PDB file of all heavy atoms in Angstrom:
ATOM      1  N   ARG A   1     -20.867 -19.016 -27.961  1.00  0.00           N
ATOM      2  CA  ARG A   1     -21.400 -19.422 -29.264  1.00  0.00           C
ATOM      3  C   ARG A   1     -20.464 -20.432 -29.915  1.00  0.00           C
ATOM      4  O   ARG A   1     -19.254 -20.444 -29.659  1.00  0.00           O
ATOM      5  CB  ARG A   1     -21.575 -18.209 -30.184  1.00  0.00           C
ATOM      6  CG  ARG A   1     -20.277 -17.536 -30.598  1.00  0.00           C
ATOM      7  CD  ARG A   1     -20.533 -16.237 -31.335  1.00  0.00           C
ATOM      8  NE  ARG A   1     -19.281 -15.628 -31.805  1.00  0.00           N
ATOM      9  CZ  ARG A   1     -18.883 -15.614 -33.068  1.00  0.00           C
ATOM     10  NH1 ARG A   1     -19.652 -16.169 -34.009  1.00  0.00           N
ATOM     11  NH2 ARG A   1     -17.749 -15.041 -33.423  1.00  0.00           N
ATOM     12  N   ALA A   2     -21.057 -21.273 -30.738  1.00  0.00           N
ATOM     13  CA  ALA A   2     -20.267 -22.164 -31.578  1.00  0.00           C
ATOM     14  C   ALA A   2     -19.744 -21.355 -32.753  1.00  0.00           C
ATOM     15  O   ALA A   2     -20.451 -20.513 -33.314  1.00  0.00           O
ATOM     16  CB  ALA A   2     -21.126 -23.320 -32.069  1.00  0.00           C
ATOM     17  N   THR A   3     -18.499 -21.573 -33.127  1.00  0.00           N
ATOM     18  CA  THR A   3     -17.911 -20.808 -34.232  1.00  0.00           C
ATOM     19  C   THR A   3     -17.577 -21.759 -35.374  1.00  0.00           C
ATOM     20  O   THR A   3     -18.456 -22.387 -35.927  1.00  0.00           O
ATOM     21  CB  THR A   3     -16.670 -20.040 -33.746  1.00  0.00           C
ATOM     22  OG1 THR A   3     -15.764 -20.956 -33.108  1.00  0.00           O
ATOM     23  CG2 THR A   3     -17.060 -18.960 -32.743  1.00  0.00           C
ATOM     24  N   ALA A   4     -16.311 -21.863 -35.716  1.00  0.00           N
ATOM     25  CA  ALA A   4     -15.915 -22.795 -36.774  1.00  0.00           C
ATOM     26  C   ALA A   4     -16.167 -24.222 -36.292  1.00  0.00           C
ATOM     27  O   ALA A   4     -16.244 -24.472 -35.093  1.00  0.00           O
ATOM     28  CB  ALA A   4     -14.437 -22.601 -37.111  1.00  0.00           C
ATOM     29  N   PRO A   5     -16.331 -25.146 -37.217  1.00  0.00           N
ATOM     30  CA  PRO A   5     -16.536 -26.543 -36.815  1.00  0.00           C
ATOM     31  C   PRO A   5     -15.436 -26.996 -35.855  1.00  0.00           C
ATOM     32  O   PRO A   5     -14.248 -26.805 -36.109  1.00  0.00           O
ATOM     33  CB  PRO A   5     -16.460 -27.306 -38.139  1.00  0.00           C
ATOM     34  CG  PRO A   5     -16.878 -26.304 -39.167  1.00  0.00           C
ATOM     35  CD  PRO A   5     -16.343 -24.983 -38.689  1.00  0.00           C
ATOM     36  N   GLY A   6     -15.862 -27.546 -34.733  1.00  0.00           N
ATOM     37  CA  GLY A   6     -14.897 -28.055 -33.763  1.00  0.00           C
ATOM     38  C   GLY A   6     -14.436 -27.067 -32.724  1.00  0.00           C
ATOM     39  O   GLY A   6     -13.542 -27.380 -31.935  1.00  0.00           O
ATOM     40  N   SER A   7     -15.027 -25.852 -32.688  1.00  0.00           N
ATOM     41  CA  SER A   7     -14.606 -24.893 -31.681  1.00  0.00           C
ATOM     42  C   SER A   7     -15.781 -24.045 -31.194  1.00  0.00           C
ATOM     43  O   SER A   7     -16.799 -23.915 -31.871  1.00  0.00           O
ATOM     44  CB  SER A   7     -13.502 -23.973 -32.219  1.00  0.00           C
ATOM     45  OG  SER A   7     -14.005 -23.158 -33.263  1.00  0.00           O
ATOM     46  N   VAL A   8     -15.628 -23.506 -30.002  1.00  0.00           N
ATOM     47  CA  VAL A   8     -16.634 -22.619 -29.407  1.00  0.00           C
ATOM     48  C   VAL A   8     -15.915 -21.399 -28.840  1.00  0.00           C
ATOM     49  O   VAL A   8     -14.717 -21.449 -28.543  1.00  0.00           O
ATOM     50  CB  VAL A   8     -17.445 -23.318 -28.295  1.00  0.00           C
ATOM     51  CG1 VAL A   8     -18.308 -24.426 -28.871  1.00  0.00           C
ATOM     52  CG2 VAL A   8     -16.513 -23.872 -27.218  1.00  0.00           C
ATOM     53  N   GLU A   9     -16.666 -20.299 -28.701  1.00  0.00           N
ATOM     54  CA  GLU A   9     -16.102 -19.065 -28.169  1.00  0.00           C
ATOM     55  C   GLU A   9     -16.907 -18.583 -26.976  1.00  0.00           C
ATOM     56  O   GLU A   9     -18.132 -18.722 -26.939  1.00  0.00           O
ATOM     57  CB  GLU A   9     -16.100 -17.953 -29.223  1.00  0.00           C
ATOM     58  CG  GLU A   9     -14.941 -17.980 -30.169  1.00  0.00           C
ATOM     59  CD  GLU A   9     -14.916 -16.758 -31.069  1.00  0.00           C
ATOM     60  OE1 GLU A   9     -15.818 -15.901 -30.988  1.00  0.00           O
ATOM     61  OE2 GLU A   9     -13.964 -16.663 -31.870  1.00  0.00           O
ATOM     62  N   LEU A  10     -16.199 -17.988 -26.027  1.00  0.00           N
ATOM     63  CA  LEU A  10     -16.823 -17.306 -24.900  1.00  0.00           C
ATOM     64  C   LEU A  10     -16.206 -15.911 -24.849  1.00  0.00           C
ATOM     65  O   LEU A  10     -14.990 -15.775 -24.701  1.00  0.00           O
ATOM     66  CB  LEU A  10     -16.553 -18.074 -23.601  1.00  0.00           C
ATOM     67  CG  LEU A  10     -17.171 -17.518 -22.317  1.00  0.00           C
ATOM     68  CD1 LEU A  10     -18.687 -17.461 -22.419  1.00  0.00           C
ATOM     69  CD2 LEU A  10     -16.763 -18.384 -21.125  1.00  0.00           C
ATOM     70  N   THR A  11     -17.019 -14.881 -25.011  1.00  0.00           N
ATOM     71  CA  THR A  11     -16.506 -13.516 -25.036  1.00  0.00           C
ATOM     72  C   THR A  11     -17.001 -12.737 -23.826  1.00  0.00           C
ATOM     73  O   THR A  11     -18.127 -12.918 -23.361  1.00  0.00           O
ATOM     74  CB  THR A  11     -16.919 -12.762 -26.314  1.00  0.00           C
ATOM     75  OG1 THR A  11     -18.350 -12.694 -26.389  1.00  0.00           O
ATOM     76  CG2 THR A  11     -16.392 -13.461 -27.547  1.00  0.00           C
ATOM     77  N   VAL A  12     -16.128 -11.887 -23.308  1.00  0.00           N
ATOM     78  CA  VAL A  12     -16.457 -10.972 -22.217  1.00  0.00           C
ATOM     79  C   VAL A  12     -16.194  -9.564 -22.727  1.00  0.00           C
ATOM     80  O   VAL A  12     -15.063  -9.205 -23.044  1.00  0.00           O
ATOM     81  CB  VAL A  12     -15.597 -11.263 -20.967  1.00  0.00           C
ATOM     82  CG1 VAL A  12     -15.970 -10.312 -19.828  1.00  0.00           C
ATOM     83  CG2 VAL A  12     -15.753 -12.710 -20.524  1.00  0.00           C
ATOM     84  N   THR A  13     -17.255  -8.772 -22.829  1.00  0.00           N
ATOM     85  CA  THR A  13     -17.167  -7.435 -23.416  1.00  0.00           C
ATOM     86  C   THR A  13     -17.631  -6.403 -22.401  1.00  0.00           C
ATOM     87  O   THR A  13     -18.657  -6.592 -21.743  1.00  0.00           O
ATOM     88  CB  THR A  13     -18.038  -7.337 -24.679  1.00  0.00           C
ATOM     89  OG1 THR A  13     -17.671  -8.382 -25.588  1.00  0.00           O
ATOM     90  CG2 THR A  13     -17.869  -5.988 -25.366  1.00  0.00           C
ATOM     91  N   ASP A  14     -16.872  -5.308 -22.258  1.00  0.00           N
ATOM     92  CA  ASP A  14     -17.293  -4.237 -21.356  1.00  0.00           C
ATOM     93  C   ASP A  14     -17.324  -2.911 -22.099  1.00  0.00           C
ATOM     94  O   ASP A  14     -16.905  -2.813 -23.259  1.00  0.00           O
ATOM     95  CB  ASP A  14     -16.375  -4.165 -20.123  1.00  0.00           C
ATOM     96  CG  ASP A  14     -14.950  -3.735 -20.451  1.00  0.00           C
ATOM     97  OD1 ASP A  14     -14.762  -2.666 -21.056  1.00  0.00           O
ATOM     98  OD2 ASP A  14     -14.003  -4.463 -20.083  1.00  0.00           O
ATOM     99  N   ASP A  15     -17.847  -1.866 -21.424  1.00  0.00           N
ATOM    100  CA  ASP A  15     -17.921  -0.540 -22.043  1.00  0.00           C
ATOM    101  C   ASP A  15     -17.062   0.460 -21.281  1.00  0.00           C
ATOM    102  O   ASP A  15     -17.389   1.633 -21.164  1.00  0.00           O
ATOM    103  CB  ASP A  15     -19.372  -0.053 -22.130  1.00  0.00           C
ATOM    104  CG  ASP A  15     -20.038   0.048 -20.767  1.00  0.00           C
ATOM    105  OD1 ASP A  15     -19.407  -0.317 -19.758  1.00  0.00           O
ATOM    106  OD2 ASP A  15     -21.192   0.510 -20.706  1.00  0.00           O
ATOM    107  N   GLY A  16     -15.922  -0.031 -20.771  1.00  0.00           N
ATOM    108  CA  GLY A  16     -14.977   0.835 -20.074  1.00  0.00           C
ATOM    109  C   GLY A  16     -14.097   1.613 -21.040  1.00  0.00           C
ATOM    110  O   GLY A  16     -14.416   1.745 -22.226  1.00  0.00           O
ATOM    111  N   PRO A  17     -12.944   2.092 -20.571  1.00  0.00           N
ATOM    112  CA  PRO A  17     -12.085   2.935 -21.417  1.00  0.00           C
ATOM    113  C   PRO A  17     -11.266   2.171 -22.448  1.00  0.00           C
ATOM    114  O   PRO A  17     -10.615   2.778 -23.300  1.00  0.00           O
ATOM    115  CB  PRO A  17     -11.161   3.601 -20.393  1.00  0.00           C
ATOM    116  CG  PRO A  17     -11.102   2.640 -19.252  1.00  0.00           C
ATOM    117  CD  PRO A  17     -12.462   2.016 -19.191  1.00  0.00           C
ATOM    118  N   GLY A  18     -11.263   0.847 -22.395  1.00  0.00           N
ATOM    119  CA  GLY A  18     -10.473   0.070 -23.346  1.00  0.00           C
ATOM    120  C   GLY A  18      -9.103  -0.278 -22.781  1.00  0.00           C
ATOM    121  O   GLY A  18      -8.768   0.049 -21.634  1.00  0.00           O
ATOM    122  N   LEU A  19      -8.293  -0.945 -23.597  1.00  0.00           N
ATOM    123  CA  LEU A  19      -6.998  -1.469 -23.164  1.00  0.00           C
ATOM    124  C   LEU A  19      -5.859  -0.595 -23.675  1.00  0.00           C
ATOM    125  O   LEU A  19      -5.869  -0.166 -24.831  1.00  0.00           O
ATOM    126  CB  LEU A  19      -6.818  -2.897 -23.684  1.00  0.00           C
ATOM    127  CG  LEU A  19      -7.908  -3.893 -23.273  1.00  0.00           C
ATOM    128  CD1 LEU A  19      -7.730  -5.204 -24.030  1.00  0.00           C
ATOM    129  CD2 LEU A  19      -7.878  -4.137 -21.766  1.00  0.00           C
ATOM    130  N   GLU A  20      -4.863  -0.369 -22.815  1.00  0.00           N
ATOM    131  CA  GLU A  20      -3.710   0.429 -23.224  1.00  0.00           C
ATOM    132  C   GLU A  20      -2.822  -0.338 -24.201  1.00  0.00           C
ATOM    133  O   GLU A  20      -2.321   0.226 -25.169  1.00  0.00           O
ATOM    134  CB  GLU A  20      -2.893   0.820 -21.990  1.00  0.00           C
ATOM    135  CG  GLU A  20      -3.655   1.676 -20.984  1.00  0.00           C
ATOM    136  CD  GLU A  20      -2.887   1.839 -19.679  1.00  0.00           C
ATOM    137  OE1 GLU A  20      -1.697   1.446 -19.641  1.00  0.00           O
ATOM    138  OE2 GLU A  20      -3.474   2.348 -18.711  1.00  0.00           O
ATOM    139  N   ASP A  21      -2.603  -1.626 -23.927  1.00  0.00           N
ATOM    140  CA  ASP A  21      -1.698  -2.433 -24.753  1.00  0.00           C
ATOM    141  C   ASP A  21      -2.210  -3.873 -24.805  1.00  0.00           C
ATOM    142  O   ASP A  21      -1.735  -4.735 -24.057  1.00  0.00           O
ATOM    143  CB  ASP A  21      -0.283  -2.378 -24.172  1.00  0.00           C
ATOM    144  CG  ASP A  21       0.735  -3.096 -25.053  1.00  0.00           C
ATOM    145  OD1 ASP A  21       0.362  -3.523 -26.171  1.00  0.00           O
ATOM    146  OD2 ASP A  21       1.901  -3.229 -24.620  1.00  0.00           O
ATOM    147  N   PRO A  22      -3.190  -4.161 -25.664  1.00  0.00           N
ATOM    148  CA  PRO A  22      -3.765  -5.517 -25.699  1.00  0.00           C
ATOM    149  C   PRO A  22      -2.742  -6.612 -25.965  1.00  0.00           C
ATOM    150  O   PRO A  22      -2.892  -7.735 -25.475  1.00  0.00           O
ATOM    151  CB  PRO A  22      -4.782  -5.430 -26.850  1.00  0.00           C
ATOM    152  CG  PRO A  22      -5.113  -3.978 -26.958  1.00  0.00           C
ATOM    153  CD  PRO A  22      -3.847  -3.253 -26.610  1.00  0.00           C
ATOM    154  N   ALA A  23      -1.679  -6.295 -26.711  1.00  0.00           N
ATOM    155  CA  ALA A  23      -0.721  -7.333 -27.113  1.00  0.00           C
ATOM    156  C   ALA A  23       0.049  -7.903 -25.926  1.00  0.00           C
ATOM    157  O   ALA A  23       0.445  -9.067 -25.949  1.00  0.00           O
ATOM    158  CB  ALA A  23       0.259  -6.762 -28.141  1.00  0.00           C
ATOM    159  N   SER A  24       0.276  -7.102 -24.885  1.00  0.00           N
ATOM    160  CA  SER A  24       1.110  -7.566 -23.768  1.00  0.00           C
ATOM    161  C   SER A  24       0.323  -7.728 -22.473  1.00  0.00           C
ATOM    162  O   SER A  24       0.920  -7.968 -21.419  1.00  0.00           O
ATOM    163  CB  SER A  24       2.266  -6.577 -23.535  1.00  0.00           C
ATOM    164  OG  SER A  24       1.757  -5.312 -23.133  1.00  0.00           O
ATOM    165  N   ILE A  25      -0.997  -7.623 -22.532  1.00  0.00           N
ATOM    166  CA  ILE A  25      -1.786  -7.579 -21.305  1.00  0.00           C
ATOM    167  C   ILE A  25      -1.740  -8.886 -20.522  1.00  0.00           C
ATOM    168  O   ILE A  25      -1.959  -8.911 -19.300  1.00  0.00           O
ATOM    169  CB  ILE A  25      -3.245  -7.189 -21.626  1.00  0.00           C
ATOM    170  CG1 ILE A  25      -3.944  -6.721 -20.348  1.00  0.00           C
ATOM    171  CG2 ILE A  25      -3.993  -8.333 -22.286  1.00  0.00           C
ATOM    172  CD1 ILE A  25      -5.262  -6.036 -20.602  1.00  0.00           C
ATOM    173  N   PHE A  26      -1.431 -10.008 -21.189  1.00  0.00           N
ATOM    174  CA  PHE A  26      -1.377 -11.301 -20.499  1.00  0.00           C
ATOM    175  C   PHE A  26       0.005 -11.630 -19.948  1.00  0.00           C
ATOM    176  O   PHE A  26       0.186 -12.669 -19.318  1.00  0.00           O
ATOM    177  CB  PHE A  26      -1.828 -12.424 -21.431  1.00  0.00           C
ATOM    178  CG  PHE A  26      -3.262 -12.296 -21.880  1.00  0.00           C
ATOM    179  CD1 PHE A  26      -3.566 -11.909 -23.179  1.00  0.00           C
ATOM    180  CD2 PHE A  26      -4.309 -12.550 -21.003  1.00  0.00           C
ATOM    181  CE1 PHE A  26      -4.883 -11.786 -23.594  1.00  0.00           C
ATOM    182  CE2 PHE A  26      -5.626 -12.431 -21.407  1.00  0.00           C
ATOM    183  CZ  PHE A  26      -5.911 -12.046 -22.701  1.00  0.00           C
ATOM    184  N   ASP A  27       0.980 -10.764 -20.184  1.00  0.00           N
ATOM    185  CA  ASP A  27       2.322 -11.021 -19.674  1.00  0.00           C
ATOM    186  C   ASP A  27       2.342 -10.885 -18.155  1.00  0.00           C
ATOM    187  O   ASP A  27       1.612 -10.078 -17.573  1.00  0.00           O
ATOM    188  CB  ASP A  27       3.330 -10.032 -20.271  1.00  0.00           C
ATOM    189  CG  ASP A  27       3.515 -10.206 -21.764  1.00  0.00           C
ATOM    190  OD1 ASP A  27       3.082 -11.257 -22.282  1.00  0.00           O
ATOM    191  OD2 ASP A  27       4.080  -9.304 -22.406  1.00  0.00           O
ATOM    192  N   ALA A  28       3.188 -11.686 -17.508  1.00  0.00           N
ATOM    193  CA  ALA A  28       3.330 -11.565 -16.058  1.00  0.00           C
ATOM    194  C   ALA A  28       3.817 -10.170 -15.705  1.00  0.00           C
ATOM    195  O   ALA A  28       4.693  -9.605 -16.364  1.00  0.00           O
ATOM    196  CB  ALA A  28       4.336 -12.608 -15.548  1.00  0.00           C
ATOM    197  N   PHE A  29       3.178  -9.583 -14.679  1.00  0.00           N
ATOM    198  CA  PHE A  29       3.483  -8.263 -14.143  1.00  0.00           C
ATOM    199  C   PHE A  29       3.004  -7.123 -15.033  1.00  0.00           C
ATOM    200  O   PHE A  29       3.287  -5.961 -14.740  1.00  0.00           O
ATOM    201  CB  PHE A  29       4.984  -8.094 -13.850  1.00  0.00           C
ATOM    202  CG  PHE A  29       5.531  -9.142 -12.934  1.00  0.00           C
ATOM    203  CD1 PHE A  29       6.416 -10.100 -13.407  1.00  0.00           C
ATOM    204  CD2 PHE A  29       5.156  -9.202 -11.610  1.00  0.00           C
ATOM    205  CE1 PHE A  29       6.911 -11.083 -12.570  1.00  0.00           C
ATOM    206  CE2 PHE A  29       5.648 -10.187 -10.771  1.00  0.00           C
ATOM    207  CZ  PHE A  29       6.522 -11.127 -11.252  1.00  0.00           C
ATOM    208  N   ALA A  30       2.270  -7.423 -16.107  1.00  0.00           N
ATOM    209  CA  ALA A  30       1.675  -6.352 -16.907  1.00  0.00           C
ATOM    210  C   ALA A  30       0.521  -5.754 -16.119  1.00  0.00           C
ATOM    211  O   ALA A  30      -0.360  -6.461 -15.641  1.00  0.00           O
ATOM    212  CB  ALA A  30       1.180  -6.902 -18.249  1.00  0.00           C
ATOM    213  N   LYS A  31       0.502  -4.419 -15.973  1.00  0.00           N
ATOM    214  CA  LYS A  31      -0.511  -3.765 -15.152  1.00  0.00           C
ATOM    215  C   LYS A  31      -1.024  -2.521 -15.866  1.00  0.00           C
ATOM    216  O   LYS A  31      -0.254  -1.757 -16.439  1.00  0.00           O
ATOM    217  CB  LYS A  31       0.067  -3.349 -13.792  1.00  0.00           C
ATOM    218  CG  LYS A  31       0.526  -4.498 -12.929  1.00  0.00           C
ATOM    219  CD  LYS A  31       1.259  -4.023 -11.704  1.00  0.00           C
ATOM    220  CE  LYS A  31       0.363  -3.226 -10.783  1.00  0.00           C
ATOM    221  NZ  LYS A  31       1.033  -2.876  -9.509  1.00  0.00           N
ATOM    222  N   GLY A  32      -2.343  -2.330 -15.830  1.00  0.00           N
ATOM    223  CA  GLY A  32      -2.932  -1.112 -16.333  1.00  0.00           C
ATOM    224  C   GLY A  32      -2.840  -0.002 -15.308  1.00  0.00           C
ATOM    225  O   GLY A  32      -2.473  -0.215 -14.152  1.00  0.00           O
ATOM    226  N   ALA A  33      -3.199   1.216 -15.741  1.00  0.00           N
ATOM    227  CA  ALA A  33      -3.080   2.372 -14.860  1.00  0.00           C
ATOM    228  C   ALA A  33      -3.951   2.239 -13.615  1.00  0.00           C
ATOM    229  O   ALA A  33      -3.610   2.745 -12.548  1.00  0.00           O
ATOM    230  CB  ALA A  33      -3.443   3.642 -15.628  1.00  0.00           C
ATOM    231  N   ALA A  34      -5.098   1.554 -13.733  1.00  0.00           N
ATOM    232  CA  ALA A  34      -6.015   1.438 -12.598  1.00  0.00           C
ATOM    233  C   ALA A  34      -5.761   0.201 -11.753  1.00  0.00           C
ATOM    234  O   ALA A  34      -6.466  -0.037 -10.779  1.00  0.00           O
ATOM    235  CB  ALA A  34      -7.461   1.429 -13.102  1.00  0.00           C
ATOM    236  N   SER A  35      -4.738  -0.576 -12.105  1.00  0.00           N
ATOM    237  CA  SER A  35      -4.501  -1.831 -11.395  1.00  0.00           C
ATOM    238  C   SER A  35      -3.899  -1.577 -10.023  1.00  0.00           C
ATOM    239  O   SER A  35      -3.025  -0.724  -9.852  1.00  0.00           O
ATOM    240  CB  SER A  35      -3.561  -2.728 -12.210  1.00  0.00           C
ATOM    241  OG  SER A  35      -3.236  -3.897 -11.486  1.00  0.00           O
ATOM    242  N   THR A  36      -4.359  -2.353  -9.031  1.00  0.00           N
ATOM    243  CA  THR A  36      -3.798  -2.297  -7.687  1.00  0.00           C
ATOM    244  C   THR A  36      -3.168  -3.636  -7.304  1.00  0.00           C
ATOM    245  O   THR A  36      -2.736  -3.800  -6.174  1.00  0.00           O
ATOM    246  CB  THR A  36      -4.889  -1.938  -6.657  1.00  0.00           C
ATOM    247  OG1 THR A  36      -5.950  -2.909  -6.739  1.00  0.00           O
ATOM    248  CG2 THR A  36      -5.456  -0.558  -6.938  1.00  0.00           C
TER     249      THR A  36
END
């Protein structure tokens, strides 16, 4: 969807258990409990 003037958003939403630590999830080597 288009949001504020000059930008667009693409969202990916699921109905799983959620995130343990959203703030650090993009850090290198950050892994959730189910990660292999």
